[in-house]
Amino acid sequence: MKPTIEWEQFAQVQMQVGRILDVRSFPEAISPAFIITVDFGKERGILKTSAQLTERYLPQDLQGKLVVGVTNFPKKQIGPMMSEFLILGALDEKAGTAIIQICEDVPLGTSIA
């Protein structure tokens, strides 16, 4: 269990809805991973990240999905690529991480509360 945090701490995390535009293998990653490009709408734009989702998904499984990303973390260098956001998922040790998906059609960039 993680420690209790204050509401103000949680409120500082910017989680937004984005649509996956592109998924490519990331052979330079230490652990098997994809480079994922997501459109977060006009205000935030298109961002890239690296995600270890290869146990559960093929690239074509992720294409076009509405996902949730943390978009206000600092950029992070991961091998030769710069990760610009964190895609959120459920950490399943047996079957691999499952991305958090939005089932309804909402505008890109919509905030998660």
PDB file of N, CA and C in Angstrom:
ATOM      1  N   MET A   1       0.833  -1.182   0.000  1.00  0.00           N
ATOM      2  CA  MET A   1       0.000   0.000   0.000  1.00  0.00           C
ATOM      3  C   MET A   1       0.883   1.252   0.000  1.00  0.00           C
ATOM      4  N   LYS A   2       0.423   2.228  -0.717  1.00  0.00           N
ATOM      5  CA  LYS A   2       1.133   3.504  -0.773  1.00  0.00           C
ATOM      6  C   LYS A   2       0.582   4.431   0.308  1.00  0.00           C
ATOM      7  N   PRO A   3       1.385   5.421   0.712  1.00  0.00           N
ATOM      8  CA  PRO A   3       0.915   6.336   1.764  1.00  0.00           C
ATOM      9  C   PRO A   3      -0.230   7.210   1.281  1.00  0.00           C
ATOM     10  N   THR A   4      -1.034   7.672   2.221  1.00  0.00           N
ATOM     11  CA  THR A   4      -2.123   8.595   1.933  1.00  0.00           C
ATOM     12  C   THR A   4      -1.531   9.927   1.472  1.00  0.00           C
ATOM     13  N   ILE A   5      -2.153  10.510   0.445  1.00  0.00           N
ATOM     14  CA  ILE A   5      -1.717  11.826  -0.034  1.00  0.00           C
ATOM     15  C   ILE A   5      -2.851  12.826   0.178  1.00  0.00           C
ATOM     16  N   GLU A   6      -2.496  14.075   0.139  1.00  0.00           N
ATOM     17  CA  GLU A   6      -3.491  15.144   0.283  1.00  0.00           C
ATOM     18  C   GLU A   6      -4.175  15.382  -1.067  1.00  0.00           C
ATOM     19  N   TRP A   7      -5.421  15.878  -1.016  1.00  0.00           N
ATOM     20  CA  TRP A   7      -6.183  16.160  -2.227  1.00  0.00           C
ATOM     21  C   TRP A   7      -5.411  17.118  -3.138  1.00  0.00           C
ATOM     22  N   GLU A   8      -4.731  18.092  -2.555  1.00  0.00           N
ATOM     23  CA  GLU A   8      -3.985  19.065  -3.341  1.00  0.00           C
ATOM     24  C   GLU A   8      -2.873  18.395  -4.155  1.00  0.00           C
ATOM     25  N   GLN A   9      -2.269  17.346  -3.603  1.00  0.00           N
ATOM     26  CA  GLN A   9      -1.236  16.609  -4.342  1.00  0.00           C
ATOM     27  C   GLN A   9      -1.846  15.914  -5.552  1.00  0.00           C
ATOM     28  N   PHE A  10      -2.966  15.237  -5.352  1.00  0.00           N
ATOM     29  CA  PHE A  10      -3.635  14.549  -6.451  1.00  0.00           C
ATOM     30  C   PHE A  10      -4.087  15.544  -7.521  1.00  0.00           C
ATOM     31  N   ALA A  11      -4.601  16.689  -7.084  1.00  0.00           N
ATOM     32  CA  ALA A  11      -5.127  17.686  -8.020  1.00  0.00           C
ATOM     33  C   ALA A  11      -4.042  18.249  -8.925  1.00  0.00           C
ATOM     34  N   GLN A  12      -2.788  18.118  -8.552  1.00  0.00           N
ATOM     35  CA  GLN A  12      -1.690  18.623  -9.382  1.00  0.00           C
ATOM     36  C   GLN A  12      -1.355  17.695 -10.544  1.00  0.00           C
ATOM     37  N   VAL A  13      -1.834  16.466 -10.518  1.00  0.00           N
ATOM     38  CA  VAL A  13      -1.549  15.510 -11.591  1.00  0.00           C
ATOM     39  C   VAL A  13      -2.525  15.754 -12.740  1.00  0.00           C
ATOM     40  N   GLN A  14      -1.996  16.103 -13.915  1.00  0.00           N
ATOM     41  CA  GLN A  14      -2.831  16.357 -15.096  1.00  0.00           C
ATOM     42  C   GLN A  14      -2.977  15.064 -15.886  1.00  0.00           C
ATOM     43  N   MET A  15      -4.168  14.465 -15.804  1.00  0.00           N
ATOM     44  CA  MET A  15      -4.484  13.256 -16.572  1.00  0.00           C
ATOM     45  C   MET A  15      -5.463  13.659 -17.667  1.00  0.00           C
ATOM     46  N   GLN A  16      -5.141  13.260 -18.906  1.00  0.00           N
ATOM     47  CA  GLN A  16      -5.960  13.660 -20.043  1.00  0.00           C
ATOM     48  C   GLN A  16      -6.221  12.480 -20.970  1.00  0.00           C
ATOM     49  N   VAL A  17      -7.314  12.607 -21.725  1.00  0.00           N
ATOM     50  CA  VAL A  17      -7.683  11.613 -22.721  1.00  0.00           C
ATOM     51  C   VAL A  17      -6.953  11.922 -24.024  1.00  0.00           C
ATOM     52  N   GLY A  18      -6.394  10.878 -24.629  1.00  0.00           N
ATOM     53  CA  GLY A  18      -5.749  11.013 -25.920  1.00  0.00           C
ATOM     54  C   GLY A  18      -6.043   9.812 -26.799  1.00  0.00           C
ATOM     55  N   ARG A  19      -5.834   9.968 -28.097  1.00  0.00           N
ATOM     56  CA  ARG A  19      -6.045   8.862 -29.048  1.00  0.00           C
ATOM     57  C   ARG A  19      -4.699   8.394 -29.582  1.00  0.00           C
ATOM     58  N   ILE A  20      -4.472   7.093 -29.519  1.00  0.00           N
ATOM     59  CA  ILE A  20      -3.232   6.521 -30.035  1.00  0.00           C
ATOM     60  C   ILE A  20      -3.214   6.643 -31.552  1.00  0.00           C
ATOM     61  N   LEU A  21      -2.173   7.294 -32.056  1.00  0.00           N
ATOM     62  CA  LEU A  21      -2.007   7.484 -33.495  1.00  0.00           C
ATOM     63  C   LEU A  21      -1.062   6.466 -34.114  1.00  0.00           C
ATOM     64  N   ASP A  22      -0.014   6.096 -33.346  1.00  0.00           N
ATOM     65  CA  ASP A  22       1.018   5.237 -33.909  1.00  0.00           C
ATOM     66  C   ASP A  22       1.651   4.407 -32.797  1.00  0.00           C
ATOM     67  N   VAL A  23       1.974   3.168 -33.121  1.00  0.00           N
ATOM     68  CA  VAL A  23       2.659   2.264 -32.195  1.00  0.00           C
ATOM     69  C   VAL A  23       3.769   1.572 -32.969  1.00  0.00           C
ATOM     70  N   ARG A  24       4.991   1.702 -32.464  1.00  0.00           N
ATOM     71  CA  ARG A  24       6.147   1.087 -33.116  1.00  0.00           C
ATOM     72  C   ARG A  24       6.955   0.313 -32.095  1.00  0.00           C
ATOM     73  N   SER A  25       7.646  -0.707 -32.565  1.00  0.00           N
ATOM     74  CA  SER A  25       8.525  -1.440 -31.659  1.00  0.00           C
ATOM     75  C   SER A  25       9.674  -0.529 -31.242  1.00  0.00           C
ATOM     76  N   PHE A  26      10.247  -0.811 -30.083  1.00  0.00           N
ATOM     77  CA  PHE A  26      11.336  -0.019 -29.522  1.00  0.00           C
ATOM     78  C   PHE A  26      12.482  -0.980 -29.211  1.00  0.00           C
ATOM     79  N   PRO A  27      13.208  -1.430 -30.258  1.00  0.00           N
ATOM     80  CA  PRO A  27      14.239  -2.453 -30.067  1.00  0.00           C
ATOM     81  C   PRO A  27      15.389  -2.019 -29.171  1.00  0.00           C
ATOM     82  N   GLU A  28      15.608  -0.715 -29.015  1.00  0.00           N
ATOM     83  CA  GLU A  28      16.705  -0.229 -28.171  1.00  0.00           C
ATOM     84  C   GLU A  28      16.373  -0.276 -26.676  1.00  0.00           C
ATOM     85  N   ALA A  29      15.111  -0.504 -26.322  1.00  0.00           N
ATOM     86  CA  ALA A  29      14.704  -0.541 -24.912  1.00  0.00           C
ATOM     87  C   ALA A  29      15.320  -1.749 -24.214  1.00  0.00           C
ATOM     88  N   ILE A  30      15.635  -1.579 -22.941  1.00  0.00           N
ATOM     89  CA  ILE A  30      16.212  -2.682 -22.153  1.00  0.00           C
ATOM     90  C   ILE A  30      15.205  -3.814 -22.013  1.00  0.00           C
ATOM     91  N   SER A  31      13.942  -3.479 -21.699  1.00  0.00           N
ATOM     92  CA  SER A  31      12.848  -4.459 -21.642  1.00  0.00           C
ATOM     93  C   SER A  31      11.977  -4.230 -22.869  1.00  0.00           C
ATOM     94  N   PRO A  32      11.346  -5.281 -23.398  1.00  0.00           N
ATOM     95  CA  PRO A  32      10.508  -5.108 -24.592  1.00  0.00           C
ATOM     96  C   PRO A  32       9.473  -3.995 -24.394  1.00  0.00           C
ATOM     97  N   ALA A  33       9.394  -3.100 -25.370  1.00  0.00           N
ATOM     98  CA  ALA A  33       8.507  -1.944 -25.251  1.00  0.00           C
ATOM     99  C   ALA A  33       8.101  -1.430 -26.622  1.00  0.00           C
ATOM    100  N   PHE A  34       7.102  -0.562 -26.611  1.00  0.00           N
ATOM    101  CA  PHE A  34       6.664   0.160 -27.797  1.00  0.00           C
ATOM    102  C   PHE A  34       6.966   1.643 -27.618  1.00  0.00           C
ATOM    103  N   ILE A  35       7.115   2.345 -28.727  1.00  0.00           N
ATOM    104  CA  ILE A  35       7.044   3.800 -28.736  1.00  0.00           C
ATOM    105  C   ILE A  35       5.638   4.131 -29.219  1.00  0.00           C
ATOM    106  N   ILE A  36       4.907   4.870 -28.399  1.00  0.00           N
ATOM    107  CA  ILE A  36       3.495   5.156 -28.665  1.00  0.00           C
ATOM    108  C   ILE A  36       3.322   6.658 -28.849  1.00  0.00           C
ATOM    109  N   THR A  37       2.659   7.046 -29.944  1.00  0.00           N
ATOM    110  CA  THR A  37       2.367   8.439 -30.240  1.00  0.00           C
ATOM    111  C   THR A  37       0.881   8.675 -30.015  1.00  0.00           C
ATOM    112  N   VAL A  38       0.554   9.703 -29.210  1.00  0.00           N
ATOM    113  CA  VAL A  38      -0.832   9.961 -28.815  1.00  0.00           C
ATOM    114  C   VAL A  38      -1.177  11.425 -29.073  1.00  0.00           C
ATOM    115  N   ASP A  39      -2.374  11.642 -29.605  1.00  0.00           N
ATOM    116  CA  ASP A  39      -2.898  12.989 -29.822  1.00  0.00           C
ATOM    117  C   ASP A  39      -3.767  13.372 -28.626  1.00  0.00           C
ATOM    118  N   PHE A  40      -3.356  14.420 -27.898  1.00  0.00           N
ATOM    119  CA  PHE A  40      -4.105  14.908 -26.746  1.00  0.00           C
ATOM    120  C   PHE A  40      -4.915  16.156 -27.077  1.00  0.00           C
ATOM    121  N   GLY A  41      -5.118  16.437 -28.340  1.00  0.00           N
ATOM    122  CA  GLY A  41      -5.958  17.563 -28.734  1.00  0.00           C
ATOM    123  C   GLY A  41      -5.165  18.827 -29.012  1.00  0.00           C
ATOM    124  N   LYS A  42      -5.890  19.889 -29.378  1.00  0.00           N
ATOM    125  CA  LYS A  42      -5.273  21.142 -29.828  1.00  0.00           C
ATOM    126  C   LYS A  42      -4.372  21.777 -28.777  1.00  0.00           C
ATOM    127  N   GLU A  43      -4.803  21.811 -27.524  1.00  0.00           N
ATOM    128  CA  GLU A  43      -4.026  22.515 -26.500  1.00  0.00           C
ATOM    129  C   GLU A  43      -2.729  21.796 -26.148  1.00  0.00           C
ATOM    130  N   ARG A  44      -2.774  20.482 -25.935  1.00  0.00           N
ATOM    131  CA  ARG A  44      -1.584  19.721 -25.521  1.00  0.00           C
ATOM    132  C   ARG A  44      -0.802  19.224 -26.727  1.00  0.00           C
ATOM    133  N   GLY A  45      -1.496  18.807 -27.774  1.00  0.00           N
ATOM    134  CA  GLY A  45      -0.822  18.351 -28.981  1.00  0.00           C
ATOM    135  C   GLY A  45      -0.490  16.865 -28.973  1.00  0.00           C
ATOM    136  N   ILE A  46       0.452  16.505 -29.826  1.00  0.00           N
ATOM    137  CA  ILE A  46       0.859  15.115 -30.021  1.00  0.00           C
ATOM    138  C   ILE A  46       2.123  14.859 -29.212  1.00  0.00           C
ATOM    139  N   LEU A  47       2.074  13.803 -28.384  1.00  0.00           N
ATOM    140  CA  LEU A  47       3.190  13.448 -27.512  1.00  0.00           C
ATOM    141  C   LEU A  47       3.568  11.987 -27.708  1.00  0.00           C
ATOM    142  N   LYS A  48       4.826  11.656 -27.355  1.00  0.00           N
ATOM    143  CA  LYS A  48       5.322  10.288 -27.463  1.00  0.00           C
ATOM    144  C   LYS A  48       5.717   9.754 -26.088  1.00  0.00           C
ATOM    145  N   THR A  49       5.628   8.447 -25.961  1.00  0.00           N
ATOM    146  CA  THR A  49       6.085   7.783 -24.750  1.00  0.00           C
ATOM    147  C   THR A  49       6.576   6.388 -25.097  1.00  0.00           C
ATOM    148  N   SER A  50       7.260   5.794 -24.154  1.00  0.00           N
ATOM    149  CA  SER A  50       7.655   4.394 -24.250  1.00  0.00           C
ATOM    150  C   SER A  50       6.835   3.628 -23.232  1.00  0.00           C
ATOM    151  N   ALA A  51       6.330   2.462 -23.614  1.00  0.00           N
ATOM    152  CA  ALA A  51       5.509   1.682 -22.695  1.00  0.00           C
ATOM    153  C   ALA A  51       5.762   0.190 -22.883  1.00  0.00           C
ATOM    154  N   GLN A  52       5.902  -0.507 -21.778  1.00  0.00           N
ATOM    155  CA  GLN A  52       6.117  -1.953 -21.791  1.00  0.00           C
ATOM    156  C   GLN A  52       4.770  -2.663 -21.846  1.00  0.00           C
ATOM    157  N   LEU A  53       4.205  -2.721 -23.039  1.00  0.00           N
ATOM    158  CA  LEU A  53       2.885  -3.311 -23.256  1.00  0.00           C
ATOM    159  C   LEU A  53       2.933  -4.514 -24.189  1.00  0.00           C
ATOM    160  N   THR A  54       4.132  -4.986 -24.504  1.00  0.00           N
ATOM    161  CA  THR A  54       4.287  -6.015 -25.535  1.00  0.00           C
ATOM    162  C   THR A  54       3.785  -7.393 -25.101  1.00  0.00           C
ATOM    163  N   GLU A  55       3.652  -7.637 -23.805  1.00  0.00           N
ATOM    164  CA  GLU A  55       3.153  -8.944 -23.357  1.00  0.00           C
ATOM    165  C   GLU A  55       1.672  -9.108 -23.666  1.00  0.00           C
ATOM    166  N   ARG A  56       0.923  -8.016 -23.643  1.00  0.00           N
ATOM    167  CA  ARG A  56      -0.531  -8.082 -23.798  1.00  0.00           C
ATOM    168  C   ARG A  56      -1.016  -7.668 -25.192  1.00  0.00           C
ATOM    169  N   TYR A  57      -0.282  -6.779 -25.867  1.00  0.00           N
ATOM    170  CA  TYR A  57      -0.781  -6.169 -27.098  1.00  0.00           C
ATOM    171  C   TYR A  57       0.184  -6.320 -28.268  1.00  0.00           C
ATOM    172  N   LEU A  58      -0.388  -6.356 -29.455  1.00  0.00           N
ATOM    173  CA  LEU A  58       0.328  -6.137 -30.709  1.00  0.00           C
ATOM    174  C   LEU A  58       0.088  -4.679 -31.091  1.00  0.00           C
ATOM    175  N   PRO A  59       0.961  -4.082 -31.884  1.00  0.00           N
ATOM    176  CA  PRO A  59       0.756  -2.668 -32.246  1.00  0.00           C
ATOM    177  C   PRO A  59      -0.639  -2.374 -32.795  1.00  0.00           C
ATOM    178  N   GLN A  60      -1.166  -3.237 -33.640  1.00  0.00           N
ATOM    179  CA  GLN A  60      -2.481  -2.993 -34.242  1.00  0.00           C
ATOM    180  C   GLN A  60      -3.615  -3.062 -33.219  1.00  0.00           C
ATOM    181  N   ASP A  61      -3.404  -3.726 -32.072  1.00  0.00           N
ATOM    182  CA  ASP A  61      -4.419  -3.775 -31.017  1.00  0.00           C
ATOM    183  C   ASP A  61      -4.621  -2.408 -30.367  1.00  0.00           C
ATOM    184  N   LEU A  62      -3.594  -1.583 -30.369  1.00  0.00           N
ATOM    185  CA  LEU A  62      -3.620  -0.296 -29.671  1.00  0.00           C
ATOM    186  C   LEU A  62      -4.018   0.869 -30.559  1.00  0.00           C
ATOM    187  N   GLN A  63      -3.833   0.719 -31.855  1.00  0.00           N
ATOM    188  CA  GLN A  63      -4.104   1.793 -32.812  1.00  0.00           C
ATOM    189  C   GLN A  63      -5.524   2.337 -32.639  1.00  0.00           C
ATOM    190  N   GLY A  64      -5.654   3.651 -32.473  1.00  0.00           N
ATOM    191  CA  GLY A  64      -6.962   4.302 -32.413  1.00  0.00           C
ATOM    192  C   GLY A  64      -7.636   4.299 -31.051  1.00  0.00           C
ATOM    193  N   LYS A  65      -7.070   3.637 -30.059  1.00  0.00           N
ATOM    194  CA  LYS A  65      -7.691   3.558 -28.727  1.00  0.00           C
ATOM    195  C   LYS A  65      -7.636   4.915 -28.028  1.00  0.00           C
ATOM    196  N   LEU A  66      -8.689   5.216 -27.271  1.00  0.00           N
ATOM    197  CA  LEU A  66      -8.698   6.373 -26.385  1.00  0.00           C
ATOM    198  C   LEU A  66      -8.100   5.933 -25.061  1.00  0.00           C
ATOM    199  N   VAL A  67      -7.033   6.611 -24.635  1.00  0.00           N
ATOM    200  CA  VAL A  67      -6.298   6.212 -23.437  1.00  0.00           C
ATOM    201  C   VAL A  67      -6.171   7.404 -22.488  1.00  0.00           C
ATOM    202  N   VAL A  68      -5.649   7.126 -21.295  1.00  0.00           N
ATOM    203  CA  VAL A  68      -5.413   8.167 -20.300  1.00  0.00           C
ATOM    204  C   VAL A  68      -3.908   8.312 -20.114  1.00  0.00           C
ATOM    205  N   GLY A  69      -3.443   9.559 -20.138  1.00  0.00           N
ATOM    206  CA  GLY A  69      -2.028   9.822 -19.927  1.00  0.00           C
ATOM    207  C   GLY A  69      -1.820  10.935 -18.921  1.00  0.00           C
ATOM    208  N   VAL A  70      -0.735  10.839 -18.156  1.00  0.00           N
ATOM    209  CA  VAL A  70      -0.306  11.941 -17.295  1.00  0.00           C
ATOM    210  C   VAL A  70       0.563  12.835 -18.168  1.00  0.00           C
ATOM    211  N   THR A  71       0.119  14.071 -18.348  1.00  0.00           N
ATOM    212  CA  THR A  71       0.765  14.951 -19.325  1.00  0.00           C
ATOM    213  C   THR A  71       1.559  16.099 -18.703  1.00  0.00           C
ATOM    214  N   ASN A  72       1.671  16.126 -17.378  1.00  0.00           N
ATOM    215  CA  ASN A  72       2.448  17.216 -16.778  1.00  0.00           C
ATOM    216  C   ASN A  72       3.650  16.722 -15.971  1.00  0.00           C
ATOM    217  N   PHE A  73       4.106  15.502 -16.236  1.00  0.00           N
ATOM    218  CA  PHE A  73       5.389  15.064 -15.699  1.00  0.00           C
ATOM    219  C   PHE A  73       6.496  15.675 -16.545  1.00  0.00           C
ATOM    220  N   PRO A  74       7.700  15.845 -15.983  1.00  0.00           N
ATOM    221  CA  PRO A  74       8.807  16.305 -16.825  1.00  0.00           C
ATOM    222  C   PRO A  74       9.161  15.233 -17.859  1.00  0.00           C
ATOM    223  N   LYS A  75       9.714  15.670 -18.977  1.00  0.00           N
ATOM    224  CA  LYS A  75      10.163  14.714 -19.992  1.00  0.00           C
ATOM    225  C   LYS A  75      11.240  13.824 -19.395  1.00  0.00           C
ATOM    226  N   LYS A  76      11.322  12.589 -19.937  1.00  0.00           N
ATOM    227  CA  LYS A  76      12.291  11.620 -19.414  1.00  0.00           C
ATOM    228  C   LYS A  76      12.982  10.922 -20.580  1.00  0.00           C
ATOM    229  N   GLN A  77      14.303  10.923 -20.555  1.00  0.00           N
ATOM    230  CA  GLN A  77      15.079  10.241 -21.589  1.00  0.00           C
ATOM    231  C   GLN A  77      15.040   8.742 -21.333  1.00  0.00           C
ATOM    232  N   ILE A  78      14.593   7.983 -22.322  1.00  0.00           N
ATOM    233  CA  ILE A  78      14.561   6.522 -22.238  1.00  0.00           C
ATOM    234  C   ILE A  78      15.329   6.007 -23.441  1.00  0.00           C
ATOM    235  N   GLY A  79      16.586   5.634 -23.225  1.00  0.00           N
ATOM    236  CA  GLY A  79      17.440   5.235 -24.343  1.00  0.00           C
ATOM    237  C   GLY A  79      17.528   6.383 -25.331  1.00  0.00           C
ATOM    238  N   PRO A  80      17.306   6.102 -26.621  1.00  0.00           N
ATOM    239  CA  PRO A  80      17.434   7.150 -27.632  1.00  0.00           C
ATOM    240  C   PRO A  80      16.184   8.024 -27.804  1.00  0.00           C
ATOM    241  N   MET A  81      15.125   7.770 -27.039  1.00  0.00           N
ATOM    242  CA  MET A  81      13.903   8.565 -27.216  1.00  0.00           C
ATOM    243  C   MET A  81      13.574   9.348 -25.949  1.00  0.00           C
ATOM    244  N   MET A  82      12.874  10.470 -26.131  1.00  0.00           N
ATOM    245  CA  MET A  82      12.444  11.320 -25.028  1.00  0.00           C
ATOM    246  C   MET A  82      10.963  11.058 -24.776  1.00  0.00           C
ATOM    247  N   SER A  83      10.647  10.513 -23.599  1.00  0.00           N
ATOM    248  CA  SER A  83       9.260  10.260 -23.227  1.00  0.00           C
ATOM    249  C   SER A  83       8.639  11.566 -22.750  1.00  0.00           C
ATOM    250  N   GLU A  84       7.459  11.894 -23.285  1.00  0.00           N
ATOM    251  CA  GLU A  84       6.824  13.177 -23.008  1.00  0.00           C
ATOM    252  C   GLU A  84       5.588  13.077 -22.119  1.00  0.00           C
ATOM    253  N   PHE A  85       5.129  11.847 -21.838  1.00  0.00           N
ATOM    254  CA  PHE A  85       3.985  11.642 -20.954  1.00  0.00           C
ATOM    255  C   PHE A  85       4.020  10.209 -20.447  1.00  0.00           C
ATOM    256  N   LEU A  86       3.137   9.905 -19.503  1.00  0.00           N
ATOM    257  CA  LEU A  86       3.026   8.546 -18.960  1.00  0.00           C
ATOM    258  C   LEU A  86       1.659   7.993 -19.306  1.00  0.00           C
ATOM    259  N   ILE A  87       1.610   6.899 -20.057  1.00  0.00           N
ATOM    260  CA  ILE A  87       0.345   6.242 -20.347  1.00  0.00           C
ATOM    261  C   ILE A  87      -0.025   5.401 -19.119  1.00  0.00           C
ATOM    262  N   LEU A  88      -1.285   5.455 -18.707  1.00  0.00           N
ATOM    263  CA  LEU A  88      -1.705   4.760 -17.496  1.00  0.00           C
ATOM    264  C   LEU A  88      -2.247   3.373 -17.818  1.00  0.00           C
ATOM    265  N   GLY A  89      -1.972   2.437 -16.926  1.00  0.00           N
ATOM    266  CA  GLY A  89      -2.421   1.072 -17.115  1.00  0.00           C
ATOM    267  C   GLY A  89      -2.514   0.325 -15.804  1.00  0.00           C
ATOM    268  N   ALA A  90      -3.167  -0.828 -15.870  1.00  0.00           N
ATOM    269  CA  ALA A  90      -3.286  -1.727 -14.724  1.00  0.00           C
ATOM    270  C   ALA A  90      -2.152  -2.736 -14.805  1.00  0.00           C
ATOM    271  N   LEU A  91      -1.336  -2.790 -13.751  1.00  0.00           N
ATOM    272  CA  LEU A  91      -0.145  -3.649 -13.742  1.00  0.00           C
ATOM    273  C   LEU A  91      -0.534  -5.087 -13.404  1.00  0.00           C
ATOM    274  N   ASP A  92      -0.643  -5.914 -14.438  1.00  0.00           N
ATOM    275  CA  ASP A  92      -1.005  -7.324 -14.292  1.00  0.00           C
ATOM    276  C   ASP A  92       0.262  -8.144 -14.496  1.00  0.00           C
ATOM    277  N   GLU A  93       0.801  -8.706 -13.428  1.00  0.00           N
ATOM    278  CA  GLU A  93       2.066  -9.437 -13.505  1.00  0.00           C
ATOM    279  C   GLU A  93       1.974 -10.696 -14.364  1.00  0.00           C
ATOM    280  N   LYS A  94       0.807 -11.286 -14.486  1.00  0.00           N
ATOM    281  CA  LYS A  94       0.662 -12.524 -15.249  1.00  0.00           C
ATOM    282  C   LYS A  94       0.491 -12.284 -16.749  1.00  0.00           C
ATOM    283  N   ALA A  95      -0.382 -11.359 -17.129  1.00  0.00           N
ATOM    284  CA  ALA A  95      -0.708 -11.165 -18.545  1.00  0.00           C
ATOM    285  C   ALA A  95      -0.109  -9.896 -19.136  1.00  0.00           C
ATOM    286  N   GLY A  96       0.568  -9.092 -18.321  1.00  0.00           N
ATOM    287  CA  GLY A  96       1.134  -7.842 -18.808  1.00  0.00           C
ATOM    288  C   GLY A  96       0.206  -6.672 -18.554  1.00  0.00           C
ATOM    289  N   THR A  97       0.758  -5.487 -18.579  1.00  0.00           N
ATOM    290  CA  THR A  97       0.001  -4.272 -18.281  1.00  0.00           C
ATOM    291  C   THR A  97      -1.149  -4.075 -19.256  1.00  0.00           C
ATOM    292  N   ALA A  98      -2.321  -3.708 -18.712  1.00  0.00           N
ATOM    293  CA  ALA A  98      -3.509  -3.400 -19.510  1.00  0.00           C
ATOM    294  C   ALA A  98      -3.717  -1.893 -19.477  1.00  0.00           C
ATOM    295  N   ILE A  99      -3.780  -1.272 -20.637  1.00  0.00           N
ATOM    296  CA  ILE A  99      -3.968   0.180 -20.680  1.00  0.00           C
ATOM    297  C   ILE A  99      -5.351   0.549 -20.148  1.00  0.00           C
ATOM    298  N   ILE A 100      -5.424   1.741 -19.557  1.00  0.00           N
ATOM    299  CA  ILE A 100      -6.710   2.283 -19.137  1.00  0.00           C
ATOM    300  C   ILE A 100      -7.319   2.960 -20.351  1.00  0.00           C
ATOM    301  N   GLN A 101      -8.511   2.479 -20.739  1.00  0.00           N
ATOM    302  CA  GLN A 101      -9.168   2.985 -21.940  1.00  0.00           C
ATOM    303  C   GLN A 101     -10.432   3.748 -21.587  1.00  0.00           C
ATOM    304  N   ILE A 102     -10.773   4.712 -22.435  1.00  0.00           N
ATOM    305  CA  ILE A 102     -12.024   5.453 -22.328  1.00  0.00           C
ATOM    306  C   ILE A 102     -12.994   4.830 -23.331  1.00  0.00           C
ATOM    307  N   CYS A 103     -14.122   4.379 -22.834  1.00  0.00           N
ATOM    308  CA  CYS A 103     -15.092   3.666 -23.690  1.00  0.00           C
ATOM    309  C   CYS A 103     -16.043   4.594 -24.427  1.00  0.00           C
ATOM    310  N   GLU A 104     -16.251   5.782 -23.908  1.00  0.00           N
ATOM    311  CA  GLU A 104     -17.144   6.748 -24.546  1.00  0.00           C
ATOM    312  C   GLU A 104     -16.340   7.723 -25.387  1.00  0.00           C
ATOM    313  N   ASP A 105     -16.973   8.303 -26.404  1.00  0.00           N
ATOM    314  CA  ASP A 105     -16.299   9.276 -27.252  1.00  0.00           C
ATOM    315  C   ASP A 105     -16.314  10.627 -26.554  1.00  0.00           C
ATOM    316  N   VAL A 106     -15.135  11.096 -26.147  1.00  0.00           N
ATOM    317  CA  VAL A 106     -14.987  12.413 -25.519  1.00  0.00           C
ATOM    318  C   VAL A 106     -13.925  13.186 -26.282  1.00  0.00           C
ATOM    319  N   PRO A 107     -13.926  14.505 -26.182  1.00  0.00           N
ATOM    320  CA  PRO A 107     -12.926  15.289 -26.894  1.00  0.00           C
ATOM    321  C   PRO A 107     -11.514  14.969 -26.427  1.00  0.00           C
ATOM    322  N   LEU A 108     -10.574  14.973 -27.360  1.00  0.00           N
ATOM    323  CA  LEU A 108      -9.174  14.774 -27.001  1.00  0.00           C
ATOM    324  C   LEU A 108      -8.723  15.885 -26.086  1.00  0.00           C
ATOM    325  N   GLY A 109      -7.972  15.531 -25.048  1.00  0.00           N
ATOM    326  CA  GLY A 109      -7.513  16.507 -24.072  1.00  0.00           C
ATOM    327  C   GLY A 109      -8.413  16.624 -22.857  1.00  0.00           C
ATOM    328  N   THR A 110      -9.566  15.939 -22.863  1.00  0.00           N
ATOM    329  CA  THR A 110     -10.471  15.987 -21.724  1.00  0.00           C
ATOM    330  C   THR A 110      -9.721  15.569 -20.453  1.00  0.00           C
ATOM    331  N   SER A 111      -9.903  16.323 -19.382  1.00  0.00           N
ATOM    332  CA  SER A 111      -9.250  16.025 -18.112  1.00  0.00           C
ATOM    333  C   SER A 111      -9.949  14.888 -17.390  1.00  0.00           C
ATOM    334  N   ILE A 112      -9.162  14.121 -16.677  1.00  0.00           N
ATOM    335  CA  ILE A 112      -9.678  13.047 -15.831  1.00  0.00           C
ATOM    336  C   ILE A 112      -9.763  13.593 -14.411  1.00  0.00           C
ATOM    337  N   ALA A 113     -10.883  13.357 -13.756  1.00  0.00           N
ATOM    338  CA  ALA A 113     -11.070  13.851 -12.390  1.00  0.00           C
ATOM    339  C   ALA A 113     -11.031  12.704 -11.412  1.00  0.00           C
TER     340      ALA A 113
END
